[in-house]
Amino acid sequence: MKPFLLPTLLILLAVSTVNGQVIDNKKSLKGLTGVGLWYRAEPDDLKEINLSLNQLSTDASVRLRKAGIRVLETKQEQQAAKGYAHLTVGVSLLKSGGLWVYYVDVTLSEWVYLARASNESLYLTTWNNTGVLGMANQDEIQDSIRQAIGDALDKFISDYLAMNPK
């Protein structure tokens, strides 16, 4: 194991722990009519594991639509939706020797208004998963990333459907 891998793992673990403490509030999903999709990932890293942002986008869109959640495709749809809500799928990758370390998280951000000053709005995270930190070899990394994203999206879908029953 390379000397920088252990400190990097510890930093990623600390980030995932802090991120998990931010918000896990399914009540914020009540009345949400649809979401845009954004991605936070290095295209070159994804290319190295034979993934692309287009593949991740297709996976996420199909999963959300199958659950009955509207995916806002165009900028006009996104801006017209109350709150301008976006699910951000984040993928961070680090290669060390023959192993990949990855961190996957999914957050929902939208415009919110302060109760004490209703004319003030902020674009904030209103829902998040706790993030997934893992390791995989070259043969398993693509499936591991897709599985971690799928699991995070399933948590969002479960919370969404609990607050917006059909």
C-alpha atoms as a PDB file:
ATOM      1  CA  MET A   1       0.000   0.000   0.000  1.00  0.00           C
ATOM      2  CA  LYS A   2       1.384   3.388  -0.961  1.00  0.00           C
ATOM      3  CA  PRO A   3       2.318   5.727   1.931  1.00  0.00           C
ATOM      4  CA  PHE A   4      -0.260   8.380   0.939  1.00  0.00           C
ATOM      5  CA  LEU A   5      -3.166   5.898   0.740  1.00  0.00           C
ATOM      6  CA  LEU A   6      -3.800   5.576   4.494  1.00  0.00           C
ATOM      7  CA  PRO A   7      -3.981   9.352   5.137  1.00  0.00           C
ATOM      8  CA  THR A   8      -6.175   9.728   2.069  1.00  0.00           C
ATOM      9  CA  LEU A   9      -8.509   6.991   3.304  1.00  0.00           C
ATOM     10  CA  LEU A  10      -8.713   8.663   6.705  1.00  0.00           C
ATOM     11  CA  ILE A  11      -9.559  12.015   5.104  1.00  0.00           C
ATOM     12  CA  LEU A  12     -12.232  10.429   2.910  1.00  0.00           C
ATOM     13  CA  LEU A  13     -13.670   8.637   5.944  1.00  0.00           C
ATOM     14  CA  ALA A  14     -13.786  11.914   7.878  1.00  0.00           C
ATOM     15  CA  VAL A  15     -15.497  13.627   4.949  1.00  0.00           C
ATOM     16  CA  SER A  16     -18.081  10.856   4.697  1.00  0.00           C
ATOM     17  CA  THR A  17     -18.755  11.044   8.444  1.00  0.00           C
ATOM     18  CA  VAL A  18     -19.183  14.817   8.394  1.00  0.00           C
ATOM     19  CA  ASN A  19     -21.298  14.660   5.244  1.00  0.00           C
ATOM     20  CA  GLY A  20     -23.552  12.061   6.854  1.00  0.00           C
ATOM     21  CA  GLN A  21     -24.256  14.454   9.715  1.00  0.00           C
ATOM     22  CA  VAL A  22     -25.410  17.317   7.480  1.00  0.00           C
ATOM     23  CA  ILE A  23     -29.015  16.383   6.713  1.00  0.00           C
ATOM     24  CA  ASP A  24     -31.034  13.229   6.363  1.00  0.00           C
ATOM     25  CA  ASN A  25     -34.485  14.723   6.284  1.00  0.00           C
ATOM     26  CA  LYS A  26     -37.082  13.063   4.114  1.00  0.00           C
ATOM     27  CA  LYS A  27     -39.678  15.639   5.188  1.00  0.00           C
ATOM     28  CA  SER A  28     -37.925  18.116   2.890  1.00  0.00           C
ATOM     29  CA  LEU A  29     -39.053  15.986  -0.080  1.00  0.00           C
ATOM     30  CA  LYS A  30     -42.776  16.548   0.501  1.00  0.00           C
ATOM     31  CA  GLY A  31     -44.385  18.230  -2.500  1.00  0.00           C
ATOM     32  CA  LEU A  32     -41.305  17.879  -4.706  1.00  0.00           C
ATOM     33  CA  THR A  33     -42.587  17.578  -8.290  1.00  0.00           C
ATOM     34  CA  GLY A  34     -39.376  16.568 -10.039  1.00  0.00           C
ATOM     35  CA  VAL A  35     -35.598  16.869 -10.003  1.00  0.00           C
ATOM     36  CA  GLY A  36     -32.809  17.869 -12.338  1.00  0.00           C
ATOM     37  CA  LEU A  37     -29.672  15.732 -12.344  1.00  0.00           C
ATOM     38  CA  TRP A  38     -26.161  17.053 -11.884  1.00  0.00           C
ATOM     39  CA  TYR A  39     -22.927  15.088 -11.646  1.00  0.00           C
ATOM     40  CA  ARG A  40     -19.722  15.798  -9.789  1.00  0.00           C
ATOM     41  CA  ALA A  41     -16.976  13.537 -11.139  1.00  0.00           C
ATOM     42  CA  GLU A  42     -13.724  13.759 -13.047  1.00  0.00           C
ATOM     43  CA  PRO A  43     -14.443  12.572 -16.618  1.00  0.00           C
ATOM     44  CA  ASP A  44     -10.849  11.331 -16.997  1.00  0.00           C
ATOM     45  CA  ASP A  45     -11.184   9.165 -13.865  1.00  0.00           C
ATOM     46  CA  LEU A  46     -14.464   7.741 -15.134  1.00  0.00           C
ATOM     47  CA  LYS A  47     -12.885   7.054 -18.520  1.00  0.00           C
ATOM     48  CA  GLU A  48     -10.112   5.089 -16.829  1.00  0.00           C
ATOM     49  CA  ILE A  49     -12.711   2.742 -15.336  1.00  0.00           C
ATOM     50  CA  ASN A  50     -14.720   2.596 -18.588  1.00  0.00           C
ATOM     51  CA  LEU A  51     -17.613   4.738 -17.340  1.00  0.00           C
ATOM     52  CA  SER A  52     -18.958   8.017 -18.636  1.00  0.00           C
ATOM     53  CA  LEU A  53     -21.206  10.776 -17.337  1.00  0.00           C
ATOM     54  CA  ASN A  54     -23.713   9.739 -20.029  1.00  0.00           C
ATOM     55  CA  GLN A  55     -23.855   6.192 -18.634  1.00  0.00           C
ATOM     56  CA  LEU A  56     -24.327   7.475 -15.080  1.00  0.00           C
ATOM     57  CA  SER A  57     -27.001   9.890 -16.283  1.00  0.00           C
ATOM     58  CA  THR A  58     -28.897   7.144 -18.093  1.00  0.00           C
ATOM     59  CA  ASP A  59     -28.684   4.813 -15.071  1.00  0.00           C
ATOM     60  CA  ALA A  60     -29.985   7.506 -12.711  1.00  0.00           C
ATOM     61  CA  SER A  61     -32.724   8.786 -15.033  1.00  0.00           C
ATOM     62  CA  VAL A  62     -34.098   5.309 -15.707  1.00  0.00           C
ATOM     63  CA  ARG A  63     -34.089   4.416 -12.006  1.00  0.00           C
ATOM     64  CA  LEU A  64     -35.912   7.611 -11.002  1.00  0.00           C
ATOM     65  CA  ARG A  65     -38.480   7.359 -13.815  1.00  0.00           C
ATOM     66  CA  LYS A  66     -39.237   3.705 -12.997  1.00  0.00           C
ATOM     67  CA  ALA A  67     -40.084   4.893  -9.474  1.00  0.00           C
ATOM     68  CA  GLY A  68     -42.409   7.551 -10.877  1.00  0.00           C
ATOM     69  CA  ILE A  69     -40.158  10.522 -10.138  1.00  0.00           C
ATOM     70  CA  ARG A  70     -40.118  13.165 -12.844  1.00  0.00           C
ATOM     71  CA  VAL A  71     -36.659  13.961 -14.204  1.00  0.00           C
ATOM     72  CA  LEU A  72     -36.438  17.564 -15.355  1.00  0.00           C
ATOM     73  CA  GLU A  73     -34.414  17.430 -18.554  1.00  0.00           C
ATOM     74  CA  THR A  74     -34.367  20.962 -19.898  1.00  0.00           C
ATOM     75  CA  LYS A  75     -33.183  24.148 -18.259  1.00  0.00           C
ATOM     76  CA  GLN A  76     -36.678  25.593 -18.776  1.00  0.00           C
ATOM     77  CA  GLU A  77     -38.288  22.647 -16.917  1.00  0.00           C
ATOM     78  CA  GLN A  78     -35.772  22.962 -14.098  1.00  0.00           C
ATOM     79  CA  GLN A  79     -36.233  26.701 -13.697  1.00  0.00           C
ATOM     80  CA  ALA A  80     -40.023  26.423 -13.840  1.00  0.00           C
ATOM     81  CA  ALA A  81     -40.122  23.827 -11.042  1.00  0.00           C
ATOM     82  CA  LYS A  82     -40.566  25.289  -7.568  1.00  0.00           C
ATOM     83  CA  GLY A  83     -37.241  25.380  -5.760  1.00  0.00           C
ATOM     84  CA  TYR A  84     -35.078  24.485  -8.789  1.00  0.00           C
ATOM     85  CA  ALA A  85     -34.304  21.113  -7.136  1.00  0.00           C
ATOM     86  CA  HIS A  86     -31.321  19.070  -8.300  1.00  0.00           C
ATOM     87  CA  LEU A  87     -29.994  15.698  -7.312  1.00  0.00           C
ATOM     88  CA  THR A  88     -26.212  15.787  -7.459  1.00  0.00           C
ATOM     89  CA  VAL A  89     -24.452  12.452  -7.879  1.00  0.00           C
ATOM     90  CA  GLY A  90     -20.864  12.763  -6.697  1.00  0.00           C
ATOM     91  CA  VAL A  91     -18.112  10.263  -7.510  1.00  0.00           C
ATOM     92  CA  SER A  92     -14.546  10.669  -6.255  1.00  0.00           C
ATOM     93  CA  LEU A  93     -11.870   8.185  -7.308  1.00  0.00           C
ATOM     94  CA  LEU A  94      -8.277   7.576  -6.284  1.00  0.00           C
ATOM     95  CA  LYS A  95      -6.078   4.827  -7.721  1.00  0.00           C
ATOM     96  CA  SER A  96      -3.317   3.286  -5.687  1.00  0.00           C
ATOM     97  CA  GLY A  97      -1.455   0.379  -7.188  1.00  0.00           C
ATOM     98  CA  GLY A  98      -4.067  -2.098  -8.369  1.00  0.00           C
ATOM     99  CA  LEU A  99      -6.810  -0.737  -6.116  1.00  0.00           C
ATOM    100  CA  TRP A 100      -9.335   2.061  -6.490  1.00  0.00           C
ATOM    101  CA  VAL A 101     -10.675   3.976  -3.520  1.00  0.00           C
ATOM    102  CA  TYR A 102     -14.031   5.581  -4.205  1.00  0.00           C
ATOM    103  CA  TYR A 103     -16.525   7.829  -2.471  1.00  0.00           C
ATOM    104  CA  VAL A 104     -20.082   8.178  -3.786  1.00  0.00           C
ATOM    105  CA  ASP A 105     -22.737  10.534  -2.454  1.00  0.00           C
ATOM    106  CA  VAL A 106     -26.107  11.824  -3.595  1.00  0.00           C
ATOM    107  CA  THR A 107     -27.558  15.125  -2.394  1.00  0.00           C
ATOM    108  CA  LEU A 108     -30.651  17.150  -3.194  1.00  0.00           C
ATOM    109  CA  SER A 109     -30.186  20.920  -3.278  1.00  0.00           C
ATOM    110  CA  GLU A 110     -32.815  23.571  -3.880  1.00  0.00           C
ATOM    111  CA  TRP A 111     -33.692  27.198  -3.208  1.00  0.00           C
ATOM    112  CA  VAL A 112     -35.048  27.650   0.306  1.00  0.00           C
ATOM    113  CA  TYR A 113     -36.335  30.700   2.143  1.00  0.00           C
ATOM    114  CA  LEU A 114     -35.356  31.688   5.658  1.00  0.00           C
ATOM    115  CA  ALA A 115     -38.263  31.660   8.130  1.00  0.00           C
ATOM    116  CA  ARG A 116     -36.946  34.801   9.826  1.00  0.00           C
ATOM    117  CA  ALA A 117     -36.488  36.684   6.543  1.00  0.00           C
ATOM    118  CA  SER A 118     -38.820  35.267   3.886  1.00  0.00           C
ATOM    119  CA  ASN A 119     -37.372  37.501   1.176  1.00  0.00           C
ATOM    120  CA  GLU A 120     -33.932  35.849   1.623  1.00  0.00           C
ATOM    121  CA  SER A 121     -33.294  32.643  -0.280  1.00  0.00           C
ATOM    122  CA  LEU A 122     -30.309  30.301  -0.323  1.00  0.00           C
ATOM    123  CA  TYR A 123     -29.444  27.321  -2.502  1.00  0.00           C
ATOM    124  CA  LEU A 124     -28.914  24.581   0.084  1.00  0.00           C
ATOM    125  CA  THR A 125     -28.748  20.825   0.509  1.00  0.00           C
ATOM    126  CA  THR A 126     -32.117  19.687   1.819  1.00  0.00           C
ATOM    127  CA  TRP A 127     -31.549  15.911   1.599  1.00  0.00           C
ATOM    128  CA  ASN A 128     -28.496  13.682   1.467  1.00  0.00           C
ATOM    129  CA  ASN A 129     -27.422  10.106   1.859  1.00  0.00           C
ATOM    130  CA  THR A 130     -24.550   9.275   4.177  1.00  0.00           C
ATOM    131  CA  GLY A 131     -22.169   8.573   1.321  1.00  0.00           C
ATOM    132  CA  VAL A 132     -20.347   5.358   0.514  1.00  0.00           C
ATOM    133  CA  LEU A 133     -16.615   4.879   0.884  1.00  0.00           C
ATOM    134  CA  GLY A 134     -15.172   1.737  -0.647  1.00  0.00           C
ATOM    135  CA  MET A 135     -12.302  -0.001  -2.360  1.00  0.00           C
ATOM    136  CA  ALA A 136     -12.292  -2.216  -5.446  1.00  0.00           C
ATOM    137  CA  ASN A 137      -9.850  -3.649  -7.931  1.00  0.00           C
ATOM    138  CA  GLN A 138      -9.865  -2.696 -11.617  1.00  0.00           C
ATOM    139  CA  ASP A 139     -12.195  -5.575 -12.537  1.00  0.00           C
ATOM    140  CA  GLU A 140     -14.798  -4.619  -9.918  1.00  0.00           C
ATOM    141  CA  ILE A 141     -14.648  -0.818  -9.757  1.00  0.00           C
ATOM    142  CA  GLN A 142     -17.224  -0.065 -12.462  1.00  0.00           C
ATOM    143  CA  ASP A 143     -19.843  -2.361 -10.888  1.00  0.00           C
ATOM    144  CA  SER A 144     -18.989  -1.088  -7.398  1.00  0.00           C
ATOM    145  CA  ILE A 145     -19.530   2.544  -8.427  1.00  0.00           C
ATOM    146  CA  ARG A 146     -22.786   1.804 -10.221  1.00  0.00           C
ATOM    147  CA  GLN A 147     -24.042  -0.256  -7.286  1.00  0.00           C
ATOM    148  CA  ALA A 148     -23.165   2.477  -4.773  1.00  0.00           C
ATOM    149  CA  ILE A 149     -24.958   5.103  -6.878  1.00  0.00           C
ATOM    150  CA  GLY A 150     -27.957   2.800  -7.285  1.00  0.00           C
ATOM    151  CA  ASP A 151     -28.162   2.192  -3.534  1.00  0.00           C
ATOM    152  CA  ALA A 152     -27.993   5.935  -2.818  1.00  0.00           C
ATOM    153  CA  LEU A 153     -30.696   6.650  -5.407  1.00  0.00           C
ATOM    154  CA  ASP A 154     -32.848   3.886  -3.913  1.00  0.00           C
ATOM    155  CA  LYS A 155     -32.622   5.627  -0.530  1.00  0.00           C
ATOM    156  CA  PHE A 156     -33.726   8.892  -2.158  1.00  0.00           C
ATOM    157  CA  ILE A 157     -36.573   7.110  -3.964  1.00  0.00           C
ATOM    158  CA  SER A 158     -37.718   5.436  -0.737  1.00  0.00           C
ATOM    159  CA  ASP A 159     -37.732   8.755   1.137  1.00  0.00           C
ATOM    160  CA  TYR A 160     -39.417  10.550  -1.772  1.00  0.00           C
ATOM    161  CA  LEU A 161     -42.189   7.957  -2.055  1.00  0.00           C
ATOM    162  CA  ALA A 162     -42.711   7.956   1.714  1.00  0.00           C
ATOM    163  CA  MET A 163     -43.376  11.708   1.569  1.00  0.00           C
ATOM    164  CA  ASN A 164     -45.216  11.705  -1.787  1.00  0.00           C
ATOM    165  CA  PRO A 165     -47.355   8.555  -1.874  1.00  0.00           C
ATOM    166  CA  LYS A 166     -49.073   7.815  -5.167  1.00  0.00           C
END
